[in-house]
Amino acid sequence: MLKTTIAGSLPKPAWLAEEEKLWAGWKLEGDTLEQGKVDATILAVKLQEDAGLDIVGDGEQARQHFVHGFLANLDGIDFGKKTIMGIRNNRYNAEVPTVTGKIRRKGPVHTLEACAARAHTAHKLKFTLPGPMTIVDTIADKHYGRREDLAMAFAEVLNEEALELQALGVDVIQFDEPAFNVYMPLVAEWGMAAVERAARGLTCTTAIHICYGYGIKANIDWKGTLGDQWRHYEETFPVIAASKIDQVSLECRNSKVPIELIGLLKGKDVLVGCIDVASDRVETPEEVAATIREAMKYVAPEKLYPCTNCGMAPMSRAVAYGKLAALAKGARIVCEELRGAS
């Protein structure tokens, strides 16, 4: 019980990409870049193992961005036709490509890094993909017209990719949906249905990650406007609880999310965020343990998976992996307490 894991991204090595940037530019090119992505993936897996994590991921080492890394191998998207648009209900602006035709995969997108990760670990392997609603919120559309239609088009190609990742030996496939904390009424209207379409036919463990974003200034400033209690999950968790998705990854550490809201996820595994990705301070194992104990008031320990709040791509590698080691040690503290009480 209390198996530890990450939400998704990890910092890239300095020889591969710019340091401590969300949209980090590559320092390699051509075949050397492709080999560098493989090497960085293997390194990330091994460093997670060294930190003591139970379920490891590729760390999104082969992707420049968690959304656009998937979009890069799709037809129907013009990367030469860029648009400046507001992201997450105009929280910040980004230069994004444009959908100009029917969305199709050109071929497998993440096979290279998935195979590298699977070949170099005996641990359970988790792989993350962007969720349909979040993709729609991170791209301009000049073809489909309706956001829900575009979301379903992305859900279909995500499903193709997910089924192939499962066949490669991936144990957990997670769909990242930070947009679920922004457009809450749309989650029930079409957002959850799009995620379930993306997960259709999967027999591996499925997860959805909903958070308050990376530790970048725009997100930190936004959180400062949300008041003393962040209750976005109150509207979306009942919808997710009624879905076929197995696990829900959420933000908890140093947030103002009322912890009792996780009780709305009855029947689901809960990946409770015990690590703050908006701070360079490394949590102590006891602080991690305290968060886990609070979560156990509402979720049984066998359904609880200590995790990070969100991706860690913009952090320094020393801080990120220090936090992962604290995560693993904190979970072990509580496991020992539970064994002693039995």
C-alpha atoms as a PDB file:
ATOM      1  CA  MET A   1       0.000   0.000   0.000  1.00  0.00           C
ATOM      2  CA  LEU A   2       0.937   3.712  -0.270  1.00  0.00           C
ATOM      3  CA  LYS A   3       2.817   3.141  -3.518  1.00  0.00           C
ATOM      4  CA  THR A   4       4.599   6.349  -4.537  1.00  0.00           C
ATOM      5  CA  THR A   5       4.702   7.889  -8.006  1.00  0.00           C
ATOM      6  CA  ILE A   6       5.037  11.183  -9.911  1.00  0.00           C
ATOM      7  CA  ALA A   7       2.391  13.315 -11.575  1.00  0.00           C
ATOM      8  CA  GLY A   8       4.320  13.537 -14.850  1.00  0.00           C
ATOM      9  CA  SER A   9       7.238  15.668 -15.954  1.00  0.00           C
ATOM     10  CA  LEU A  10      10.704  15.910 -14.440  1.00  0.00           C
ATOM     11  CA  PRO A  11      13.559  18.351 -15.156  1.00  0.00           C
ATOM     12  CA  LYS A  12      15.691  17.547 -18.188  1.00  0.00           C
ATOM     13  CA  PRO A  13      19.491  17.166 -18.028  1.00  0.00           C
ATOM     14  CA  ALA A  14      21.501  20.294 -18.853  1.00  0.00           C
ATOM     15  CA  TRP A  15      23.074  18.572 -21.868  1.00  0.00           C
ATOM     16  CA  LEU A  16      19.644  17.925 -23.400  1.00  0.00           C
ATOM     17  CA  ALA A  17      17.651  21.119 -22.903  1.00  0.00           C
ATOM     18  CA  GLU A  18      17.639  24.551 -21.299  1.00  0.00           C
ATOM     19  CA  GLU A  19      17.443  24.337 -17.530  1.00  0.00           C
ATOM     20  CA  GLU A  20      14.507  25.303 -15.301  1.00  0.00           C
ATOM     21  CA  LYS A  21      12.181  26.278 -18.154  1.00  0.00           C
ATOM     22  CA  LEU A  22       8.713  24.977 -18.920  1.00  0.00           C
ATOM     23  CA  TRP A  23       9.181  25.347 -22.695  1.00  0.00           C
ATOM     24  CA  ALA A  24      12.849  24.370 -22.642  1.00  0.00           C
ATOM     25  CA  GLY A  25      14.679  24.588 -25.957  1.00  0.00           C
ATOM     26  CA  TRP A  26      16.654  21.554 -27.116  1.00  0.00           C
ATOM     27  CA  LYS A  27      20.450  21.746 -27.079  1.00  0.00           C
ATOM     28  CA  LEU A  28      20.843  18.827 -29.517  1.00  0.00           C
ATOM     29  CA  GLU A  29      19.489  18.165 -32.987  1.00  0.00           C
ATOM     30  CA  GLY A  30      18.853  15.401 -35.487  1.00  0.00           C
ATOM     31  CA  ASP A  31      19.790  11.834 -34.584  1.00  0.00           C
ATOM     32  CA  THR A  32      21.828  13.092 -31.635  1.00  0.00           C
ATOM     33  CA  LEU A  33      18.698  14.673 -30.175  1.00  0.00           C
ATOM     34  CA  GLU A  34      16.698  11.463 -30.572  1.00  0.00           C
ATOM     35  CA  GLN A  35      19.405   9.471 -28.804  1.00  0.00           C
ATOM     36  CA  GLY A  36      19.623  12.152 -26.139  1.00  0.00           C
ATOM     37  CA  LYS A  37      15.903  11.818 -25.459  1.00  0.00           C
ATOM     38  CA  VAL A  38      16.306   8.064 -24.988  1.00  0.00           C
ATOM     39  CA  ASP A  39      19.303   8.506 -22.694  1.00  0.00           C
ATOM     40  CA  ALA A  40      17.498  11.141 -20.608  1.00  0.00           C
ATOM     41  CA  THR A  41      14.455   8.876 -20.283  1.00  0.00           C
ATOM     42  CA  ILE A  42      16.553   5.988 -18.987  1.00  0.00           C
ATOM     43  CA  LEU A  43      18.346   8.332 -16.582  1.00  0.00           C
ATOM     44  CA  ALA A  44      15.049   9.706 -15.258  1.00  0.00           C
ATOM     45  CA  VAL A  45      13.760   6.176 -14.638  1.00  0.00           C
ATOM     46  CA  LYS A  46      16.916   5.197 -12.759  1.00  0.00           C
ATOM     47  CA  LEU A  47      16.898   8.379 -10.665  1.00  0.00           C
ATOM     48  CA  GLN A  48      13.291   7.724  -9.670  1.00  0.00           C
ATOM     49  CA  GLU A  49      14.272   4.222  -8.628  1.00  0.00           C
ATOM     50  CA  ASP A  50      17.195   5.635  -6.625  1.00  0.00           C
ATOM     51  CA  ALA A  51      14.800   8.069  -4.924  1.00  0.00           C
ATOM     52  CA  GLY A  52      12.741   5.087  -3.802  1.00  0.00           C
ATOM     53  CA  LEU A  53       9.609   5.502  -5.900  1.00  0.00           C
ATOM     54  CA  ASP A  54       7.426   2.473  -6.513  1.00  0.00           C
ATOM     55  CA  ILE A  55       5.812   3.439  -9.842  1.00  0.00           C
ATOM     56  CA  VAL A  56       8.100   5.282 -12.243  1.00  0.00           C
ATOM     57  CA  GLY A  57       7.475   7.338 -15.370  1.00  0.00           C
ATOM     58  CA  ASP A  58       9.405   8.542 -18.400  1.00  0.00           C
ATOM     59  CA  GLY A  59       9.517  12.030 -16.862  1.00  0.00           C
ATOM     60  CA  GLU A  60       8.391  13.438 -20.233  1.00  0.00           C
ATOM     61  CA  GLN A  61      12.062  13.743 -21.169  1.00  0.00           C
ATOM     62  CA  ALA A  62      11.372  13.434 -24.901  1.00  0.00           C
ATOM     63  CA  ARG A  63       8.748  16.195 -24.939  1.00  0.00           C
ATOM     64  CA  GLN A  64       9.321  19.923 -24.985  1.00  0.00           C
ATOM     65  CA  HIS A  65       5.840  20.442 -23.499  1.00  0.00           C
ATOM     66  CA  PHE A  66       3.280  17.995 -22.142  1.00  0.00           C
ATOM     67  CA  VAL A  67       0.660  18.986 -24.724  1.00  0.00           C
ATOM     68  CA  HIS A  68       2.679  20.014 -27.768  1.00  0.00           C
ATOM     69  CA  GLY A  69       4.944  16.999 -27.448  1.00  0.00           C
ATOM     70  CA  PHE A  70       1.958  14.883 -28.439  1.00  0.00           C
ATOM     71  CA  LEU A  71       0.642  17.277 -31.087  1.00  0.00           C
ATOM     72  CA  ALA A  72       3.925  17.280 -33.013  1.00  0.00           C
ATOM     73  CA  ASN A  73       3.197  13.947 -34.692  1.00  0.00           C
ATOM     74  CA  LEU A  74      -0.378  14.638 -35.788  1.00  0.00           C
ATOM     75  CA  ASP A  75      -1.793  15.580 -39.169  1.00  0.00           C
ATOM     76  CA  GLY A  76      -4.277  18.443 -39.324  1.00  0.00           C
ATOM     77  CA  ILE A  77      -2.123  20.816 -37.252  1.00  0.00           C
ATOM     78  CA  ASP A  78      -0.147  23.646 -38.848  1.00  0.00           C
ATOM     79  CA  PHE A  79       2.861  24.508 -36.667  1.00  0.00           C
ATOM     80  CA  GLY A  80       3.803  27.229 -39.123  1.00  0.00           C
ATOM     81  CA  LYS A  81       0.521  29.015 -38.471  1.00  0.00           C
ATOM     82  CA  LYS A  82       0.979  30.280 -34.933  1.00  0.00           C
ATOM     83  CA  THR A  83      -1.552  32.219 -32.887  1.00  0.00           C
ATOM     84  CA  ILE A  84      -1.159  34.075 -29.612  1.00  0.00           C
ATOM     85  CA  MET A  85      -4.080  33.025 -27.446  1.00  0.00           C
ATOM     86  CA  GLY A  86      -5.125  32.981 -23.819  1.00  0.00           C
ATOM     87  CA  ILE A  87      -4.610  29.675 -22.043  1.00  0.00           C
ATOM     88  CA  ARG A  88      -6.712  28.402 -19.091  1.00  0.00           C
ATOM     89  CA  ASN A  89      -9.387  31.080 -19.449  1.00  0.00           C
ATOM     90  CA  ASN A  90      -6.806  33.755 -20.292  1.00  0.00           C
ATOM     91  CA  ARG A  91      -4.623  33.069 -17.254  1.00  0.00           C
ATOM     92  CA  TYR A  92      -1.615  33.532 -19.523  1.00  0.00           C
ATOM     93  CA  ASN A  93      -0.848  33.880 -23.229  1.00  0.00           C
ATOM     94  CA  ALA A  94       0.999  31.350 -25.357  1.00  0.00           C
ATOM     95  CA  GLU A  95       1.972  31.019 -29.000  1.00  0.00           C
ATOM     96  CA  VAL A  96       0.151  27.937 -30.241  1.00  0.00           C
ATOM     97  CA  PRO A  97      -0.246  26.045 -33.545  1.00  0.00           C
ATOM     98  CA  THR A  98      -3.525  25.908 -35.440  1.00  0.00           C
ATOM     99  CA  VAL A  99      -5.863  23.056 -36.345  1.00  0.00           C
ATOM    100  CA  THR A 100      -6.453  23.386 -40.076  1.00  0.00           C
ATOM    101  CA  GLY A 101      -7.782  19.929 -41.026  1.00  0.00           C
ATOM    102  CA  LYS A 102      -8.908  16.546 -39.757  1.00  0.00           C
ATOM    103  CA  ILE A 103      -6.853  15.313 -36.811  1.00  0.00           C
ATOM    104  CA  ARG A 104      -4.987  12.059 -37.509  1.00  0.00           C
ATOM    105  CA  ARG A 105      -1.849  10.434 -36.161  1.00  0.00           C
ATOM    106  CA  LYS A 106       1.054  10.245 -38.585  1.00  0.00           C
ATOM    107  CA  GLY A 107       2.204   7.200 -36.622  1.00  0.00           C
ATOM    108  CA  PRO A 108       3.191   6.273 -33.063  1.00  0.00           C
ATOM    109  CA  VAL A 109       4.122   9.347 -31.042  1.00  0.00           C
ATOM    110  CA  HIS A 110       5.792   8.123 -27.852  1.00  0.00           C
ATOM    111  CA  THR A 111       6.974   4.611 -28.716  1.00  0.00           C
ATOM    112  CA  LEU A 112      10.677   5.537 -28.538  1.00  0.00           C
ATOM    113  CA  GLU A 113      10.696   6.714 -24.929  1.00  0.00           C
ATOM    114  CA  ALA A 114       8.076   4.207 -23.763  1.00  0.00           C
ATOM    115  CA  CYS A 115      10.199   1.323 -25.035  1.00  0.00           C
ATOM    116  CA  ALA A 116      13.329   2.802 -23.469  1.00  0.00           C
ATOM    117  CA  ALA A 117      11.646   3.189 -20.099  1.00  0.00           C
ATOM    118  CA  ARG A 118      10.042  -0.251 -20.192  1.00  0.00           C
ATOM    119  CA  ALA A 119      13.326  -1.943 -21.119  1.00  0.00           C
ATOM    120  CA  HIS A 120      15.206  -0.377 -18.208  1.00  0.00           C
ATOM    121  CA  THR A 121      12.940  -0.887 -15.217  1.00  0.00           C
ATOM    122  CA  ALA A 122      11.224  -3.776 -13.484  1.00  0.00           C
ATOM    123  CA  HIS A 123       9.014  -1.302 -11.625  1.00  0.00           C
ATOM    124  CA  LYS A 124       5.479  -0.556 -12.729  1.00  0.00           C
ATOM    125  CA  LEU A 125       5.628   2.042 -15.487  1.00  0.00           C
ATOM    126  CA  LYS A 126       3.335   5.041 -15.799  1.00  0.00           C
ATOM    127  CA  PHE A 127       2.957   7.128 -18.933  1.00  0.00           C
ATOM    128  CA  THR A 128       1.172  10.465 -19.236  1.00  0.00           C
ATOM    129  CA  LEU A 129      -0.793  11.916 -22.139  1.00  0.00           C
ATOM    130  CA  PRO A 130      -2.538  15.294 -22.378  1.00  0.00           C
ATOM    131  CA  GLY A 131      -6.296  15.142 -21.898  1.00  0.00           C
ATOM    132  CA  PRO A 132      -8.653  16.177 -24.698  1.00  0.00           C
ATOM    133  CA  MET A 133     -10.078  19.263 -22.975  1.00  0.00           C
ATOM    134  CA  THR A 134      -6.628  20.546 -22.067  1.00  0.00           C
ATOM    135  CA  ILE A 135      -5.399  20.044 -25.634  1.00  0.00           C
ATOM    136  CA  VAL A 136      -8.380  22.014 -26.942  1.00  0.00           C
ATOM    137  CA  ASP A 137      -7.506  24.802 -24.506  1.00  0.00           C
ATOM    138  CA  THR A 138      -3.895  24.859 -25.754  1.00  0.00           C
ATOM    139  CA  ILE A 139      -4.402  25.087 -29.521  1.00  0.00           C
ATOM    140  CA  ALA A 140      -6.168  27.360 -32.022  1.00  0.00           C
ATOM    141  CA  ASP A 141      -8.989  25.860 -34.108  1.00  0.00           C
ATOM    142  CA  LYS A 142      -9.792  26.849 -37.697  1.00  0.00           C
ATOM    143  CA  HIS A 143     -11.442  23.580 -38.725  1.00  0.00           C
ATOM    144  CA  TYR A 144     -13.833  21.908 -36.269  1.00  0.00           C
ATOM    145  CA  GLY A 145     -15.688  24.936 -34.937  1.00  0.00           C
ATOM    146  CA  ARG A 146     -17.040  23.387 -31.738  1.00  0.00           C
ATOM    147  CA  ARG A 147     -14.681  22.692 -28.846  1.00  0.00           C
ATOM    148  CA  GLU A 148     -16.419  19.427 -27.985  1.00  0.00           C
ATOM    149  CA  ASP A 149     -16.034  18.154 -31.551  1.00  0.00           C
ATOM    150  CA  LEU A 150     -12.339  19.000 -31.508  1.00  0.00           C
ATOM    151  CA  ALA A 151     -11.974  17.300 -28.116  1.00  0.00           C
ATOM    152  CA  MET A 152     -13.521  14.095 -29.434  1.00  0.00           C
ATOM    153  CA  ALA A 153     -11.221  14.166 -32.461  1.00  0.00           C
ATOM    154  CA  PHE A 154      -8.230  14.375 -30.136  1.00  0.00           C
ATOM    155  CA  ALA A 155      -9.733  11.681 -27.902  1.00  0.00           C
ATOM    156  CA  GLU A 156      -9.749   9.258 -30.830  1.00  0.00           C
ATOM    157  CA  VAL A 157      -6.055   9.706 -31.612  1.00  0.00           C
ATOM    158  CA  LEU A 158      -5.172   9.657 -27.914  1.00  0.00           C
ATOM    159  CA  ASN A 159      -6.945   6.320 -27.696  1.00  0.00           C
ATOM    160  CA  GLU A 160      -4.904   4.930 -30.586  1.00  0.00           C
ATOM    161  CA  GLU A 161      -1.714   6.025 -28.842  1.00  0.00           C
ATOM    162  CA  ALA A 162      -2.811   4.733 -25.442  1.00  0.00           C
ATOM    163  CA  LEU A 163      -3.657   1.292 -26.795  1.00  0.00           C
ATOM    164  CA  GLU A 164      -0.207   1.060 -28.374  1.00  0.00           C
ATOM    165  CA  LEU A 165       1.496   2.164 -25.150  1.00  0.00           C
ATOM    166  CA  GLN A 166      -0.435  -0.491 -23.273  1.00  0.00           C
ATOM    167  CA  ALA A 167       0.741  -3.115 -25.766  1.00  0.00           C
ATOM    168  CA  LEU A 168       4.342  -2.009 -25.117  1.00  0.00           C
ATOM    169  CA  GLY A 169       3.967  -2.871 -21.440  1.00  0.00           C
ATOM    170  CA  VAL A 170       2.898   0.412 -19.850  1.00  0.00           C
ATOM    171  CA  ASP A 171       1.049  -0.336 -16.589  1.00  0.00           C
ATOM    172  CA  VAL A 172      -0.639   3.019 -15.960  1.00  0.00           C
ATOM    173  CA  ILE A 173      -1.832   5.546 -18.544  1.00  0.00           C
ATOM    174  CA  GLN A 174      -2.741   8.959 -17.199  1.00  0.00           C
ATOM    175  CA  PHE A 175      -4.573  11.762 -18.978  1.00  0.00           C
ATOM    176  CA  ASP A 176      -3.584  15.243 -17.775  1.00  0.00           C
ATOM    177  CA  GLU A 177      -6.537  17.615 -17.469  1.00  0.00           C
ATOM    178  CA  PRO A 178      -5.623  20.842 -15.648  1.00  0.00           C
ATOM    179  CA  ALA A 179      -8.415  22.447 -17.698  1.00  0.00           C
ATOM    180  CA  PHE A 180     -10.877  20.524 -15.498  1.00  0.00           C
ATOM    181  CA  ASN A 181     -10.071  23.064 -12.747  1.00  0.00           C
ATOM    182  CA  VAL A 182     -10.949  25.945 -15.063  1.00  0.00           C
ATOM    183  CA  TYR A 183     -14.040  24.966 -17.053  1.00  0.00           C
ATOM    184  CA  MET A 184     -15.876  22.961 -14.407  1.00  0.00           C
ATOM    185  CA  PRO A 185     -19.387  22.951 -15.978  1.00  0.00           C
ATOM    186  CA  LEU A 186     -17.918  21.601 -19.235  1.00  0.00           C
ATOM    187  CA  VAL A 187     -16.477  18.579 -17.416  1.00  0.00           C
ATOM    188  CA  ALA A 188     -19.973  17.144 -17.023  1.00  0.00           C
ATOM    189  CA  GLU A 189     -21.132  18.361 -20.447  1.00  0.00           C
ATOM    190  CA  TRP A 190     -18.361  16.783 -22.553  1.00  0.00           C
ATOM    191  CA  GLY A 191     -14.960  16.842 -20.829  1.00  0.00           C
ATOM    192  CA  MET A 192     -15.319  13.577 -18.926  1.00  0.00           C
ATOM    193  CA  ALA A 193     -16.884  11.850 -21.926  1.00  0.00           C
ATOM    194  CA  ALA A 194     -13.853  12.850 -24.016  1.00  0.00           C
ATOM    195  CA  VAL A 195     -11.455  11.358 -21.449  1.00  0.00           C
ATOM    196  CA  GLU A 196     -13.454   8.122 -21.364  1.00  0.00           C
ATOM    197  CA  ARG A 197     -13.315   8.017 -25.167  1.00  0.00           C
ATOM    198  CA  ALA A 198      -9.533   8.409 -24.960  1.00  0.00           C
ATOM    199  CA  ALA A 199      -9.400   5.494 -22.494  1.00  0.00           C
ATOM    200  CA  ARG A 200     -11.752   3.178 -24.419  1.00  0.00           C
ATOM    201  CA  GLY A 201     -10.566  -0.421 -24.546  1.00  0.00           C
ATOM    202  CA  LEU A 202      -7.707   0.016 -22.079  1.00  0.00           C
ATOM    203  CA  THR A 203      -7.252  -2.816 -19.600  1.00  0.00           C
ATOM    204  CA  CYS A 204      -4.236  -1.286 -17.841  1.00  0.00           C
ATOM    205  CA  THR A 205      -4.793   1.126 -14.951  1.00  0.00           C
ATOM    206  CA  THR A 206      -6.187   4.474 -16.112  1.00  0.00           C
ATOM    207  CA  ALA A 207      -5.741   7.803 -14.336  1.00  0.00           C
ATOM    208  CA  ILE A 208      -6.678  11.435 -14.702  1.00  0.00           C
ATOM    209  CA  HIS A 209      -4.534  14.249 -13.305  1.00  0.00           C
ATOM    210  CA  ILE A 210      -6.203  17.502 -12.244  1.00  0.00           C
ATOM    211  CA  CYS A 211      -4.144  20.209 -10.613  1.00  0.00           C
ATOM    212  CA  TYR A 212      -3.628  23.931 -10.252  1.00  0.00           C
ATOM    213  CA  GLY A 213      -0.741  23.975 -12.690  1.00  0.00           C
ATOM    214  CA  TYR A 214       3.021  24.036 -12.877  1.00  0.00           C
ATOM    215  CA  GLY A 215       4.953  26.203 -10.431  1.00  0.00           C
ATOM    216  CA  ILE A 216       5.195  29.140 -12.839  1.00  0.00           C
ATOM    217  CA  LYS A 217       4.384  32.759 -12.004  1.00  0.00           C
ATOM    218  CA  ALA A 218       1.082  32.864 -13.921  1.00  0.00           C
ATOM    219  CA  ASN A 219      -0.264  29.904 -11.968  1.00  0.00           C
ATOM    220  CA  ILE A 220       1.059  31.111  -8.622  1.00  0.00           C
ATOM    221  CA  ASP A 221      -0.526  34.539  -9.212  1.00  0.00           C
ATOM    222  CA  TRP A 222      -3.831  32.893 -10.151  1.00  0.00           C
ATOM    223  CA  LYS A 223      -3.844  30.814  -6.979  1.00  0.00           C
ATOM    224  CA  GLY A 224      -3.498  34.036  -5.030  1.00  0.00           C
ATOM    225  CA  THR A 225      -6.909  35.122  -6.329  1.00  0.00           C
ATOM    226  CA  LEU A 226      -8.769  31.956  -5.309  1.00  0.00           C
ATOM    227  CA  GLY A 227      -9.465  32.835  -1.693  1.00  0.00           C
ATOM    228  CA  ASP A 228      -9.115  30.814   1.484  1.00  0.00           C
ATOM    229  CA  GLN A 229     -10.618  27.620   0.052  1.00  0.00           C
ATOM    230  CA  TRP A 230     -10.089  26.154  -3.407  1.00  0.00           C
ATOM    231  CA  ARG A 231     -13.263  24.175  -4.094  1.00  0.00           C
ATOM    232  CA  HIS A 232     -12.974  23.440  -7.828  1.00  0.00           C
ATOM    233  CA  TYR A 233     -12.736  19.716  -7.118  1.00  0.00           C
ATOM    234  CA  GLU A 234     -16.122  19.815  -5.397  1.00  0.00           C
ATOM    235  CA  GLU A 235     -17.815  20.252  -8.775  1.00  0.00           C
ATOM    236  CA  THR A 236     -15.719  17.825 -10.804  1.00  0.00           C
ATOM    237  CA  PHE A 237     -15.024  14.929  -8.426  1.00  0.00           C
ATOM    238  CA  PRO A 238     -18.606  13.554  -8.450  1.00  0.00           C
ATOM    239  CA  VAL A 239     -18.463  13.438 -12.261  1.00  0.00           C
ATOM    240  CA  ILE A 240     -15.136  11.613 -12.183  1.00  0.00           C
ATOM    241  CA  ALA A 241     -16.321   9.263  -9.440  1.00  0.00           C
ATOM    242  CA  ALA A 242     -19.118   8.120 -11.773  1.00  0.00           C
ATOM    243  CA  SER A 243     -16.659   7.486 -14.622  1.00  0.00           C
ATOM    244  CA  LYS A 244     -14.720   4.369 -15.610  1.00  0.00           C
ATOM    245  CA  ILE A 245     -11.321   5.960 -14.881  1.00  0.00           C
ATOM    246  CA  ASP A 246      -9.489   4.102 -12.092  1.00  0.00           C
ATOM    247  CA  GLN A 247      -7.344   6.783 -10.466  1.00  0.00           C
ATOM    248  CA  VAL A 248      -7.448  10.531  -9.784  1.00  0.00           C
ATOM    249  CA  SER A 249      -4.257  12.562  -9.276  1.00  0.00           C
ATOM    250  CA  LEU A 250      -4.760  15.836  -7.416  1.00  0.00           C
ATOM    251  CA  GLU A 251      -2.990  18.720  -5.722  1.00  0.00           C
ATOM    252  CA  CYS A 252      -2.902  18.833  -1.929  1.00  0.00           C
ATOM    253  CA  ARG A 253       0.450  19.893  -0.427  1.00  0.00           C
ATOM    254  CA  ASN A 254       0.586  23.624   0.474  1.00  0.00           C
ATOM    255  CA  SER A 255      -2.715  24.202  -1.311  1.00  0.00           C
ATOM    256  CA  LYS A 256      -6.009  25.502   0.031  1.00  0.00           C
ATOM    257  CA  VAL A 257      -7.963  22.496  -1.186  1.00  0.00           C
ATOM    258  CA  PRO A 258     -10.186  21.247   1.677  1.00  0.00           C
ATOM    259  CA  ILE A 259      -8.809  17.750   2.228  1.00  0.00           C
ATOM    260  CA  GLU A 260     -12.281  16.317   2.878  1.00  0.00           C
ATOM    261  CA  LEU A 261     -13.135  16.815  -0.801  1.00  0.00           C
ATOM    262  CA  ILE A 262     -11.187  13.668  -1.669  1.00  0.00           C
ATOM    263  CA  GLY A 263     -13.980  11.770   0.043  1.00  0.00           C
ATOM    264  CA  LEU A 264     -16.068  12.554  -3.050  1.00  0.00           C
ATOM    265  CA  LEU A 265     -13.877  10.107  -5.005  1.00  0.00           C
ATOM    266  CA  LYS A 266     -15.323   7.025  -3.346  1.00  0.00           C
ATOM    267  CA  GLY A 267     -14.256   3.878  -5.182  1.00  0.00           C
ATOM    268  CA  LYS A 268     -11.302   5.501  -6.955  1.00  0.00           C
ATOM    269  CA  ASP A 269      -7.603   5.282  -6.226  1.00  0.00           C
ATOM    270  CA  VAL A 270      -6.428   8.719  -5.073  1.00  0.00           C
ATOM    271  CA  LEU A 271      -2.970   9.988  -6.054  1.00  0.00           C
ATOM    272  CA  VAL A 272      -2.660  12.606  -3.350  1.00  0.00           C
ATOM    273  CA  GLY A 273      -0.191  15.409  -3.999  1.00  0.00           C
ATOM    274  CA  CYS A 274       2.260  15.489  -1.079  1.00  0.00           C
ATOM    275  CA  ILE A 275       4.976  17.508  -2.834  1.00  0.00           C
ATOM    276  CA  ASP A 276       4.683  21.222  -3.637  1.00  0.00           C
ATOM    277  CA  VAL A 277       5.987  21.922  -7.148  1.00  0.00           C
ATOM    278  CA  ALA A 278       5.716  25.700  -6.710  1.00  0.00           C
ATOM    279  CA  SER A 279       8.435  25.846  -4.052  1.00  0.00           C
ATOM    280  CA  ASP A 280      12.134  24.975  -4.123  1.00  0.00           C
ATOM    281  CA  ARG A 281      12.010  23.986  -0.476  1.00  0.00           C
ATOM    282  CA  VAL A 282      12.402  20.226  -0.149  1.00  0.00           C
ATOM    283  CA  GLU A 283       9.755  18.738   2.101  1.00  0.00           C
ATOM    284  CA  THR A 284      10.839  16.657   5.066  1.00  0.00           C
ATOM    285  CA  PRO A 285       9.718  13.021   5.142  1.00  0.00           C
ATOM    286  CA  GLU A 286       7.639  13.831   8.226  1.00  0.00           C
ATOM    287  CA  GLU A 287       5.797  16.597   6.355  1.00  0.00           C
ATOM    288  CA  VAL A 288       4.996  14.120   3.604  1.00  0.00           C
ATOM    289  CA  ALA A 289       3.819  11.628   6.202  1.00  0.00           C
ATOM    290  CA  ALA A 290       1.565  14.270   7.768  1.00  0.00           C
ATOM    291  CA  THR A 291      -0.154  14.902   4.424  1.00  0.00           C
ATOM    292  CA  ILE A 292      -0.670  11.175   3.929  1.00  0.00           C
ATOM    293  CA  ARG A 293      -2.174  10.813   7.416  1.00  0.00           C
ATOM    294  CA  GLU A 294      -4.643  13.621   6.684  1.00  0.00           C
ATOM    295  CA  ALA A 295      -5.649  11.972   3.405  1.00  0.00           C
ATOM    296  CA  MET A 296      -6.162   8.629   5.149  1.00  0.00           C
ATOM    297  CA  LYS A 297      -9.014  10.169   7.142  1.00  0.00           C
ATOM    298  CA  TYR A 298     -11.016  10.086   3.903  1.00  0.00           C
ATOM    299  CA  VAL A 299      -9.351   7.429   1.722  1.00  0.00           C
ATOM    300  CA  ALA A 300      -8.307   3.928   2.770  1.00  0.00           C
ATOM    301  CA  PRO A 301      -4.518   3.440   2.643  1.00  0.00           C
ATOM    302  CA  GLU A 302      -4.820   0.665   0.045  1.00  0.00           C
ATOM    303  CA  LYS A 303      -6.509   3.206  -2.273  1.00  0.00           C
ATOM    304  CA  LEU A 304      -3.988   5.972  -1.598  1.00  0.00           C
ATOM    305  CA  TYR A 305      -0.901   6.713  -3.728  1.00  0.00           C
ATOM    306  CA  PRO A 306       1.415   9.498  -2.476  1.00  0.00           C
ATOM    307  CA  CYS A 307       2.380  11.653  -5.457  1.00  0.00           C
ATOM    308  CA  THR A 308       3.606  15.089  -6.502  1.00  0.00           C
ATOM    309  CA  ASN A 309       1.148  17.970  -6.911  1.00  0.00           C
ATOM    310  CA  CYS A 310       1.969  18.394 -10.595  1.00  0.00           C
ATOM    311  CA  GLY A 311       4.826  18.097 -13.059  1.00  0.00           C
ATOM    312  CA  MET A 312       8.297  19.261 -12.041  1.00  0.00           C
ATOM    313  CA  ALA A 313       9.787  20.234 -15.423  1.00  0.00           C
ATOM    314  CA  PRO A 314      10.681  23.864 -14.516  1.00  0.00           C
ATOM    315  CA  MET A 315      12.510  22.903 -11.302  1.00  0.00           C
ATOM    316  CA  SER A 316      16.191  22.228 -10.762  1.00  0.00           C
ATOM    317  CA  ARG A 317      17.055  18.546 -10.897  1.00  0.00           C
ATOM    318  CA  ALA A 318      18.619  18.577  -7.421  1.00  0.00           C
ATOM    319  CA  VAL A 319      15.466  20.006  -5.853  1.00  0.00           C
ATOM    320  CA  ALA A 320      13.112  17.763  -7.835  1.00  0.00           C
ATOM    321  CA  TYR A 321      14.867  14.512  -6.996  1.00  0.00           C
ATOM    322  CA  GLY A 322      15.352  15.629  -3.389  1.00  0.00           C
ATOM    323  CA  LYS A 323      11.602  16.056  -3.168  1.00  0.00           C
ATOM    324  CA  LEU A 324      11.040  12.592  -4.658  1.00  0.00           C
ATOM    325  CA  ALA A 325      13.332  11.036  -2.059  1.00  0.00           C
ATOM    326  CA  ALA A 326      11.340  12.802   0.682  1.00  0.00           C
ATOM    327  CA  LEU A 327       8.114  11.500  -0.880  1.00  0.00           C
ATOM    328  CA  ALA A 328       9.331   7.916  -0.723  1.00  0.00           C
ATOM    329  CA  LYS A 329      10.680   8.243   2.839  1.00  0.00           C
ATOM    330  CA  GLY A 330       7.467   9.877   4.054  1.00  0.00           C
ATOM    331  CA  ALA A 331       5.360   7.083   2.616  1.00  0.00           C
ATOM    332  CA  ARG A 332       7.602   4.508   4.308  1.00  0.00           C
ATOM    333  CA  ILE A 333       7.083   6.225   7.680  1.00  0.00           C
ATOM    334  CA  VAL A 334       3.319   5.790   7.390  1.00  0.00           C
ATOM    335  CA  CYS A 335       3.634   2.229   6.075  1.00  0.00           C
ATOM    336  CA  GLU A 336       5.675   1.310   9.149  1.00  0.00           C
ATOM    337  CA  GLU A 337       3.053   2.928  11.379  1.00  0.00           C
ATOM    338  CA  LEU A 338       0.307   0.909   9.706  1.00  0.00           C
ATOM    339  CA  ARG A 339       2.269  -2.329  10.071  1.00  0.00           C
ATOM    340  CA  GLY A 340       2.889  -1.572  13.733  1.00  0.00           C
ATOM    341  CA  ALA A 341      -0.816  -0.983  14.329  1.00  0.00           C
ATOM    342  CA  SER A 342      -1.903  -4.221  12.666  1.00  0.00           C
END
